[in-house]
């Protein structure tokens, strides 16, 4: 049985960005079946009554240091400066990505990669707004296909998909991002939270951590 990973993410989360980069580029995960699921981090916090990290004294400074450390560890091209407008409203981007995942799933990864790059590498918060991500959608999908999604991403259908997937992550046990639901070769299931638990995820899925030196600190 092929090891499976479901990665729940929000493009406004720096650790989601780092996890996405690791899963899409590390040879460790080359044999895995990976599903990337956009959800609303804000709604997830509301569901589990979790205080946003930026509202907790001293926590933001700690998280920012961790962000820079893990980005370097996994060689993620991420700006050390915090993006302007952070924490940014990602509702429109996440809605559009949910609809994209339903209608053109093969285009989700390249489009998410470009949005992450725009926000976390270039520090451009405009990429999280419709005028910003529309250009990316059009480049990857073509004008006609992009228009179908851009015209509908604020619809009840899209909001239902986003809320449903956020609820699914919450039901799985998620309280923050990135959140991973995993199934190993024997069919056993386990969930993991955070970039610093990727080592345990690799161990659970019985993957070869020796394929990527970035994982040595996690073992």
C-alpha atoms as a PDB file:
ATOM      1  CA  UNK A   1       0.000   0.000   0.000  1.00  0.00           C
ATOM      2  CA  UNK A   2       1.346   3.422  -0.950  1.00  0.00           C
ATOM      3  CA  UNK A   3       1.948   5.709   2.062  1.00  0.00           C
ATOM      4  CA  UNK A   4      -0.580   8.540   2.065  1.00  0.00           C
ATOM      5  CA  UNK A   5      -0.392  12.076   3.449  1.00  0.00           C
ATOM      6  CA  UNK A   6      -3.175  14.633   3.651  1.00  0.00           C
ATOM      7  CA  UNK A   7      -1.660  18.053   4.304  1.00  0.00           C
ATOM      8  CA  UNK A   8      -4.053  20.759   5.501  1.00  0.00           C
ATOM      9  CA  UNK A   9      -2.736  24.262   4.870  1.00  0.00           C
ATOM     10  CA  UNK A  10      -3.472  27.989   4.714  1.00  0.00           C
ATOM     11  CA  UNK A  11      -1.286  30.219   2.521  1.00  0.00           C
ATOM     12  CA  UNK A  12      -1.074  32.773   5.341  1.00  0.00           C
ATOM     13  CA  UNK A  13       0.748  30.265   7.558  1.00  0.00           C
ATOM     14  CA  UNK A  14       4.566  30.308   7.272  1.00  0.00           C
ATOM     15  CA  UNK A  15       4.823  26.765   8.579  1.00  0.00           C
ATOM     16  CA  UNK A  16       2.309  25.609   5.981  1.00  0.00           C
ATOM     17  CA  UNK A  17       4.639  27.135   3.403  1.00  0.00           C
ATOM     18  CA  UNK A  18       7.647  25.263   4.792  1.00  0.00           C
ATOM     19  CA  UNK A  19       5.729  21.978   4.974  1.00  0.00           C
ATOM     20  CA  UNK A  20       4.474  22.397   1.414  1.00  0.00           C
ATOM     21  CA  UNK A  21       8.025  23.000   0.194  1.00  0.00           C
ATOM     22  CA  UNK A  22       9.342  19.931   2.036  1.00  0.00           C
ATOM     23  CA  UNK A  23       6.599  17.633   0.771  1.00  0.00           C
ATOM     24  CA  UNK A  24       6.875  18.809  -2.825  1.00  0.00           C
ATOM     25  CA  UNK A  25      10.680  18.876  -3.117  1.00  0.00           C
ATOM     26  CA  UNK A  26      12.216  16.337  -0.721  1.00  0.00           C
ATOM     27  CA  UNK A  27      13.065  12.930  -2.240  1.00  0.00           C
ATOM     28  CA  UNK A  28      11.854  11.344   0.992  1.00  0.00           C
ATOM     29  CA  UNK A  29       8.240  11.837  -0.079  1.00  0.00           C
ATOM     30  CA  UNK A  30       8.646  10.884  -3.746  1.00  0.00           C
ATOM     31  CA  UNK A  31       6.839   7.563  -3.244  1.00  0.00           C
ATOM     32  CA  UNK A  32       3.946   9.015  -1.230  1.00  0.00           C
ATOM     33  CA  UNK A  33       0.423   9.803  -2.359  1.00  0.00           C
ATOM     34  CA  UNK A  34      -0.034  13.382  -1.113  1.00  0.00           C
ATOM     35  CA  UNK A  35      -3.264  15.378  -1.015  1.00  0.00           C
ATOM     36  CA  UNK A  36      -3.023  19.110  -0.285  1.00  0.00           C
ATOM     37  CA  UNK A  37      -6.179  20.499   1.312  1.00  0.00           C
ATOM     38  CA  UNK A  38      -6.741  24.261   1.659  1.00  0.00           C
ATOM     39  CA  UNK A  39      -8.670  25.210   4.799  1.00  0.00           C
ATOM     40  CA  UNK A  40      -9.365  28.360   6.808  1.00  0.00           C
ATOM     41  CA  UNK A  41      -6.914  28.736   9.688  1.00  0.00           C
ATOM     42  CA  UNK A  42      -9.055  31.504  11.168  1.00  0.00           C
ATOM     43  CA  UNK A  43     -12.129  29.274  11.159  1.00  0.00           C
ATOM     44  CA  UNK A  44     -10.107  26.390  12.598  1.00  0.00           C
ATOM     45  CA  UNK A  45      -9.009  28.602  15.501  1.00  0.00           C
ATOM     46  CA  UNK A  46     -12.644  29.519  16.086  1.00  0.00           C
ATOM     47  CA  UNK A  47     -13.770  25.893  16.044  1.00  0.00           C
ATOM     48  CA  UNK A  48     -11.237  24.808  18.640  1.00  0.00           C
ATOM     49  CA  UNK A  49     -11.319  28.111  20.564  1.00  0.00           C
ATOM     50  CA  UNK A  50      -7.597  28.538  19.992  1.00  0.00           C
ATOM     51  CA  UNK A  51      -6.014  31.967  20.508  1.00  0.00           C
ATOM     52  CA  UNK A  52      -4.167  33.197  17.390  1.00  0.00           C
ATOM     53  CA  UNK A  53      -0.401  33.047  18.112  1.00  0.00           C
ATOM     54  CA  UNK A  54       0.099  36.739  17.370  1.00  0.00           C
ATOM     55  CA  UNK A  55      -2.297  37.570  20.233  1.00  0.00           C
ATOM     56  CA  UNK A  56      -0.190  35.683  22.801  1.00  0.00           C
ATOM     57  CA  UNK A  57       2.538  37.737  24.482  1.00  0.00           C
ATOM     58  CA  UNK A  58       6.069  36.613  23.536  1.00  0.00           C
ATOM     59  CA  UNK A  59       4.755  33.863  21.247  1.00  0.00           C
ATOM     60  CA  UNK A  60       4.983  35.853  18.032  1.00  0.00           C
ATOM     61  CA  UNK A  61       8.689  36.563  18.569  1.00  0.00           C
ATOM     62  CA  UNK A  62       9.328  32.872  19.218  1.00  0.00           C
ATOM     63  CA  UNK A  63       7.343  31.781  16.185  1.00  0.00           C
ATOM     64  CA  UNK A  64       9.181  34.220  13.948  1.00  0.00           C
ATOM     65  CA  UNK A  65      12.548  32.824  15.046  1.00  0.00           C
ATOM     66  CA  UNK A  66      11.255  29.298  14.430  1.00  0.00           C
ATOM     67  CA  UNK A  67       9.964  30.326  11.009  1.00  0.00           C
ATOM     68  CA  UNK A  68      13.387  31.547   9.950  1.00  0.00           C
ATOM     69  CA  UNK A  69      15.164  28.514  11.435  1.00  0.00           C
ATOM     70  CA  UNK A  70      12.973  25.920   9.726  1.00  0.00           C
ATOM     71  CA  UNK A  71      12.984  27.793   6.439  1.00  0.00           C
ATOM     72  CA  UNK A  72      16.776  27.652   6.451  1.00  0.00           C
ATOM     73  CA  UNK A  73      16.797  24.024   7.560  1.00  0.00           C
ATOM     74  CA  UNK A  74      14.569  22.972   4.666  1.00  0.00           C
ATOM     75  CA  UNK A  75      16.144  25.461   2.249  1.00  0.00           C
ATOM     76  CA  UNK A  76      12.879  27.290   1.676  1.00  0.00           C
ATOM     77  CA  UNK A  77      13.343  30.625  -0.129  1.00  0.00           C
ATOM     78  CA  UNK A  78      11.570  32.688   2.525  1.00  0.00           C
ATOM     79  CA  UNK A  79      12.165  36.333   3.368  1.00  0.00           C
ATOM     80  CA  UNK A  80      13.506  36.989   6.855  1.00  0.00           C
ATOM     81  CA  UNK A  81      11.395  40.141   6.929  1.00  0.00           C
ATOM     82  CA  UNK A  82       7.765  39.595   7.873  1.00  0.00           C
ATOM     83  CA  UNK A  83       5.478  40.190   4.867  1.00  0.00           C
ATOM     84  CA  UNK A  84       3.696  43.526   4.892  1.00  0.00           C
ATOM     85  CA  UNK A  85       0.179  43.177   6.224  1.00  0.00           C
ATOM     86  CA  UNK A  86       0.881  40.011   8.207  1.00  0.00           C
ATOM     87  CA  UNK A  87      -1.287  38.431   9.502  1.00  0.00           C
ATOM     88  CA  UNK A  88      -3.155  38.835   6.224  1.00  0.00           C
ATOM     89  CA  UNK A  89      -6.729  37.910   5.347  1.00  0.00           C
ATOM     90  CA  UNK A  90      -6.479  34.753   3.235  1.00  0.00           C
ATOM     91  CA  UNK A  91     -10.204  34.063   2.842  1.00  0.00           C
ATOM     92  CA  UNK A  92     -10.391  34.893  -0.875  1.00  0.00           C
ATOM     93  CA  UNK A  93      -7.260  32.923  -1.723  1.00  0.00           C
ATOM     94  CA  UNK A  94      -8.365  29.871   0.266  1.00  0.00           C
ATOM     95  CA  UNK A  95     -11.839  29.951  -1.294  1.00  0.00           C
ATOM     96  CA  UNK A  96     -10.345  30.110  -4.782  1.00  0.00           C
ATOM     97  CA  UNK A  97      -7.931  27.283  -3.983  1.00  0.00           C
ATOM     98  CA  UNK A  98     -10.753  25.092  -2.670  1.00  0.00           C
ATOM     99  CA  UNK A  99     -12.653  25.559  -5.904  1.00  0.00           C
ATOM    100  CA  UNK A 100      -9.471  24.958  -7.889  1.00  0.00           C
ATOM    101  CA  UNK A 101      -8.822  21.701  -6.029  1.00  0.00           C
ATOM    102  CA  UNK A 102     -12.295  20.516  -7.011  1.00  0.00           C
ATOM    103  CA  UNK A 103     -12.306  21.607 -10.655  1.00  0.00           C
ATOM    104  CA  UNK A 104      -8.637  21.448 -11.712  1.00  0.00           C
ATOM    105  CA  UNK A 105      -6.815  19.387  -9.049  1.00  0.00           C
ATOM    106  CA  UNK A 106      -3.707  18.899 -11.185  1.00  0.00           C
ATOM    107  CA  UNK A 107      -3.105  22.658 -11.108  1.00  0.00           C
ATOM    108  CA  UNK A 108      -3.359  23.071  -7.334  1.00  0.00           C
ATOM    109  CA  UNK A 109       0.303  22.449  -6.488  1.00  0.00           C
ATOM    110  CA  UNK A 110       1.857  24.864  -9.028  1.00  0.00           C
ATOM    111  CA  UNK A 111      -0.617  27.625  -8.173  1.00  0.00           C
ATOM    112  CA  UNK A 112      -0.173  27.203  -4.417  1.00  0.00           C
ATOM    113  CA  UNK A 113       3.598  27.271  -4.920  1.00  0.00           C
ATOM    114  CA  UNK A 114       3.353  30.617  -6.713  1.00  0.00           C
ATOM    115  CA  UNK A 115       1.106  32.129  -4.046  1.00  0.00           C
ATOM    116  CA  UNK A 116       3.441  30.970  -1.288  1.00  0.00           C
ATOM    117  CA  UNK A 117       6.386  32.411  -3.220  1.00  0.00           C
ATOM    118  CA  UNK A 118       4.647  35.752  -3.706  1.00  0.00           C
ATOM    119  CA  UNK A 119       3.718  36.170  -0.054  1.00  0.00           C
ATOM    120  CA  UNK A 120       6.523  34.472   1.881  1.00  0.00           C
ATOM    121  CA  UNK A 121       9.479  35.037  -0.447  1.00  0.00           C
ATOM    122  CA  UNK A 122       8.574  38.353  -2.065  1.00  0.00           C
ATOM    123  CA  UNK A 123       6.541  39.725   0.861  1.00  0.00           C
ATOM    124  CA  UNK A 124       3.701  40.773  -1.446  1.00  0.00           C
ATOM    125  CA  UNK A 125       0.369  40.596   0.401  1.00  0.00           C
ATOM    126  CA  UNK A 126      -1.432  41.587  -2.797  1.00  0.00           C
ATOM    127  CA  UNK A 127      -0.970  38.015  -4.018  1.00  0.00           C
ATOM    128  CA  UNK A 128      -3.603  36.965  -1.450  1.00  0.00           C
ATOM    129  CA  UNK A 129      -6.233  39.221  -3.044  1.00  0.00           C
ATOM    130  CA  UNK A 130      -8.219  38.516  -6.202  1.00  0.00           C
ATOM    131  CA  UNK A 131      -6.286  41.007  -8.373  1.00  0.00           C
ATOM    132  CA  UNK A 132      -3.041  39.402  -7.206  1.00  0.00           C
ATOM    133  CA  UNK A 133      -3.804  35.698  -7.510  1.00  0.00           C
ATOM    134  CA  UNK A 134      -5.922  36.130 -10.662  1.00  0.00           C
ATOM    135  CA  UNK A 135      -2.732  36.597 -12.675  1.00  0.00           C
ATOM    136  CA  UNK A 136      -1.355  33.311 -11.335  1.00  0.00           C
ATOM    137  CA  UNK A 137      -4.579  31.450 -12.085  1.00  0.00           C
ATOM    138  CA  UNK A 138      -4.676  32.826 -15.622  1.00  0.00           C
ATOM    139  CA  UNK A 139      -1.045  31.899 -16.237  1.00  0.00           C
ATOM    140  CA  UNK A 140      -1.564  28.289 -15.124  1.00  0.00           C
ATOM    141  CA  UNK A 141      -5.126  27.653 -16.311  1.00  0.00           C
ATOM    142  CA  UNK A 142      -5.571  29.934 -19.289  1.00  0.00           C
ATOM    143  CA  UNK A 143      -7.957  32.885 -19.300  1.00  0.00           C
ATOM    144  CA  UNK A 144     -11.175  30.922 -19.875  1.00  0.00           C
ATOM    145  CA  UNK A 145     -10.636  28.248 -17.209  1.00  0.00           C
ATOM    146  CA  UNK A 146      -9.352  30.810 -14.728  1.00  0.00           C
ATOM    147  CA  UNK A 147     -12.439  32.961 -15.264  1.00  0.00           C
ATOM    148  CA  UNK A 148     -14.722  30.066 -14.322  1.00  0.00           C
ATOM    149  CA  UNK A 149     -13.063  29.833 -10.924  1.00  0.00           C
ATOM    150  CA  UNK A 150     -12.538  33.556 -10.376  1.00  0.00           C
ATOM    151  CA  UNK A 151     -16.210  34.219 -11.108  1.00  0.00           C
ATOM    152  CA  UNK A 152     -17.368  31.580  -8.625  1.00  0.00           C
ATOM    153  CA  UNK A 153     -14.910  31.544  -5.728  1.00  0.00           C
ATOM    154  CA  UNK A 154     -17.198  33.661  -3.519  1.00  0.00           C
ATOM    155  CA  UNK A 155     -20.193  31.445  -4.230  1.00  0.00           C
ATOM    156  CA  UNK A 156     -22.030  29.362  -1.652  1.00  0.00           C
ATOM    157  CA  UNK A 157     -20.483  26.292  -3.270  1.00  0.00           C
ATOM    158  CA  UNK A 158     -16.934  27.476  -2.635  1.00  0.00           C
ATOM    159  CA  UNK A 159     -17.709  28.599   0.912  1.00  0.00           C
ATOM    160  CA  UNK A 160     -19.318  25.238   1.598  1.00  0.00           C
ATOM    161  CA  UNK A 161     -16.229  23.414   0.361  1.00  0.00           C
ATOM    162  CA  UNK A 162     -13.876  25.544   2.476  1.00  0.00           C
ATOM    163  CA  UNK A 163     -15.993  25.212   5.624  1.00  0.00           C
ATOM    164  CA  UNK A 164     -16.430  21.487   5.069  1.00  0.00           C
ATOM    165  CA  UNK A 165     -12.724  20.872   4.682  1.00  0.00           C
ATOM    166  CA  UNK A 166     -11.932  23.037   7.688  1.00  0.00           C
ATOM    167  CA  UNK A 167     -14.452  21.056   9.712  1.00  0.00           C
ATOM    168  CA  UNK A 168     -12.829  17.871   8.424  1.00  0.00           C
ATOM    169  CA  UNK A 169      -9.437  18.990   9.704  1.00  0.00           C
ATOM    170  CA  UNK A 170     -10.972  19.906  13.062  1.00  0.00           C
ATOM    171  CA  UNK A 171     -12.714  16.538  13.312  1.00  0.00           C
ATOM    172  CA  UNK A 172      -9.372  14.884  12.606  1.00  0.00           C
ATOM    173  CA  UNK A 173      -7.946  16.665  15.648  1.00  0.00           C
ATOM    174  CA  UNK A 174      -6.349  19.743  14.093  1.00  0.00           C
ATOM    175  CA  UNK A 175      -5.886  22.906  16.152  1.00  0.00           C
ATOM    176  CA  UNK A 176      -3.183  24.569  14.048  1.00  0.00           C
ATOM    177  CA  UNK A 177      -1.336  24.244  10.747  1.00  0.00           C
ATOM    178  CA  UNK A 178       0.187  22.447   9.053  1.00  0.00           C
ATOM    179  CA  UNK A 179      -1.791  19.369  10.034  1.00  0.00           C
ATOM    180  CA  UNK A 180      -1.060  15.976   8.507  1.00  0.00           C
ATOM    181  CA  UNK A 181      -3.303  12.914   8.333  1.00  0.00           C
ATOM    182  CA  UNK A 182      -1.220   9.874   7.411  1.00  0.00           C
ATOM    183  CA  UNK A 183      -1.799   6.253   6.424  1.00  0.00           C
ATOM    184  CA  UNK A 184       1.224   3.941   6.301  1.00  0.00           C
ATOM    185  CA  UNK A 185       1.860   0.874   4.150  1.00  0.00           C
ATOM    186  CA  UNK A 186       0.087  -1.371   6.675  1.00  0.00           C
ATOM    187  CA  UNK A 187      -3.021   0.804   6.676  1.00  0.00           C
ATOM    188  CA  UNK A 188      -2.416   2.273  10.141  1.00  0.00           C
ATOM    189  CA  UNK A 189      -3.480   5.893  10.618  1.00  0.00           C
ATOM    190  CA  UNK A 190      -1.876   8.723  12.580  1.00  0.00           C
ATOM    191  CA  UNK A 191      -2.004  12.515  12.582  1.00  0.00           C
ATOM    192  CA  UNK A 192       0.779  15.017  13.183  1.00  0.00           C
ATOM    193  CA  UNK A 193       0.945  18.772  13.772  1.00  0.00           C
ATOM    194  CA  UNK A 194       3.700  21.166  12.878  1.00  0.00           C
ATOM    195  CA  UNK A 195       6.834  21.268  10.793  1.00  0.00           C
ATOM    196  CA  UNK A 196       8.901  20.018  13.741  1.00  0.00           C
ATOM    197  CA  UNK A 197       6.972  16.737  13.721  1.00  0.00           C
ATOM    198  CA  UNK A 198       7.890  15.798  10.161  1.00  0.00           C
ATOM    199  CA  UNK A 199      10.530  13.457  11.583  1.00  0.00           C
ATOM    200  CA  UNK A 200       7.869  11.449  13.410  1.00  0.00           C
ATOM    201  CA  UNK A 201       5.727  11.497  10.271  1.00  0.00           C
ATOM    202  CA  UNK A 202       8.608  10.063   8.233  1.00  0.00           C
ATOM    203  CA  UNK A 203       9.201   7.394  10.870  1.00  0.00           C
ATOM    204  CA  UNK A 204       5.513   6.434  10.997  1.00  0.00           C
ATOM    205  CA  UNK A 205       5.335   6.092   7.214  1.00  0.00           C
ATOM    206  CA  UNK A 206       8.586   4.078   7.248  1.00  0.00           C
ATOM    207  CA  UNK A 207      10.237   6.410   4.746  1.00  0.00           C
ATOM    208  CA  UNK A 208      13.990   6.754   4.235  1.00  0.00           C
ATOM    209  CA  UNK A 209      15.044   9.864   6.162  1.00  0.00           C
ATOM    210  CA  UNK A 210      18.605   9.383   4.915  1.00  0.00           C
ATOM    211  CA  UNK A 211      17.551  10.701   1.515  1.00  0.00           C
ATOM    212  CA  UNK A 212      17.462  14.285   2.819  1.00  0.00           C
ATOM    213  CA  UNK A 213      20.026  15.779   5.203  1.00  0.00           C
ATOM    214  CA  UNK A 214      17.486  18.417   6.268  1.00  0.00           C
ATOM    215  CA  UNK A 215      15.764  15.745   8.334  1.00  0.00           C
ATOM    216  CA  UNK A 216      18.747  14.879  10.511  1.00  0.00           C
ATOM    217  CA  UNK A 217      17.759  17.419  13.163  1.00  0.00           C
ATOM    218  CA  UNK A 218      14.309  15.817  13.370  1.00  0.00           C
ATOM    219  CA  UNK A 219      15.530  12.329  14.246  1.00  0.00           C
END
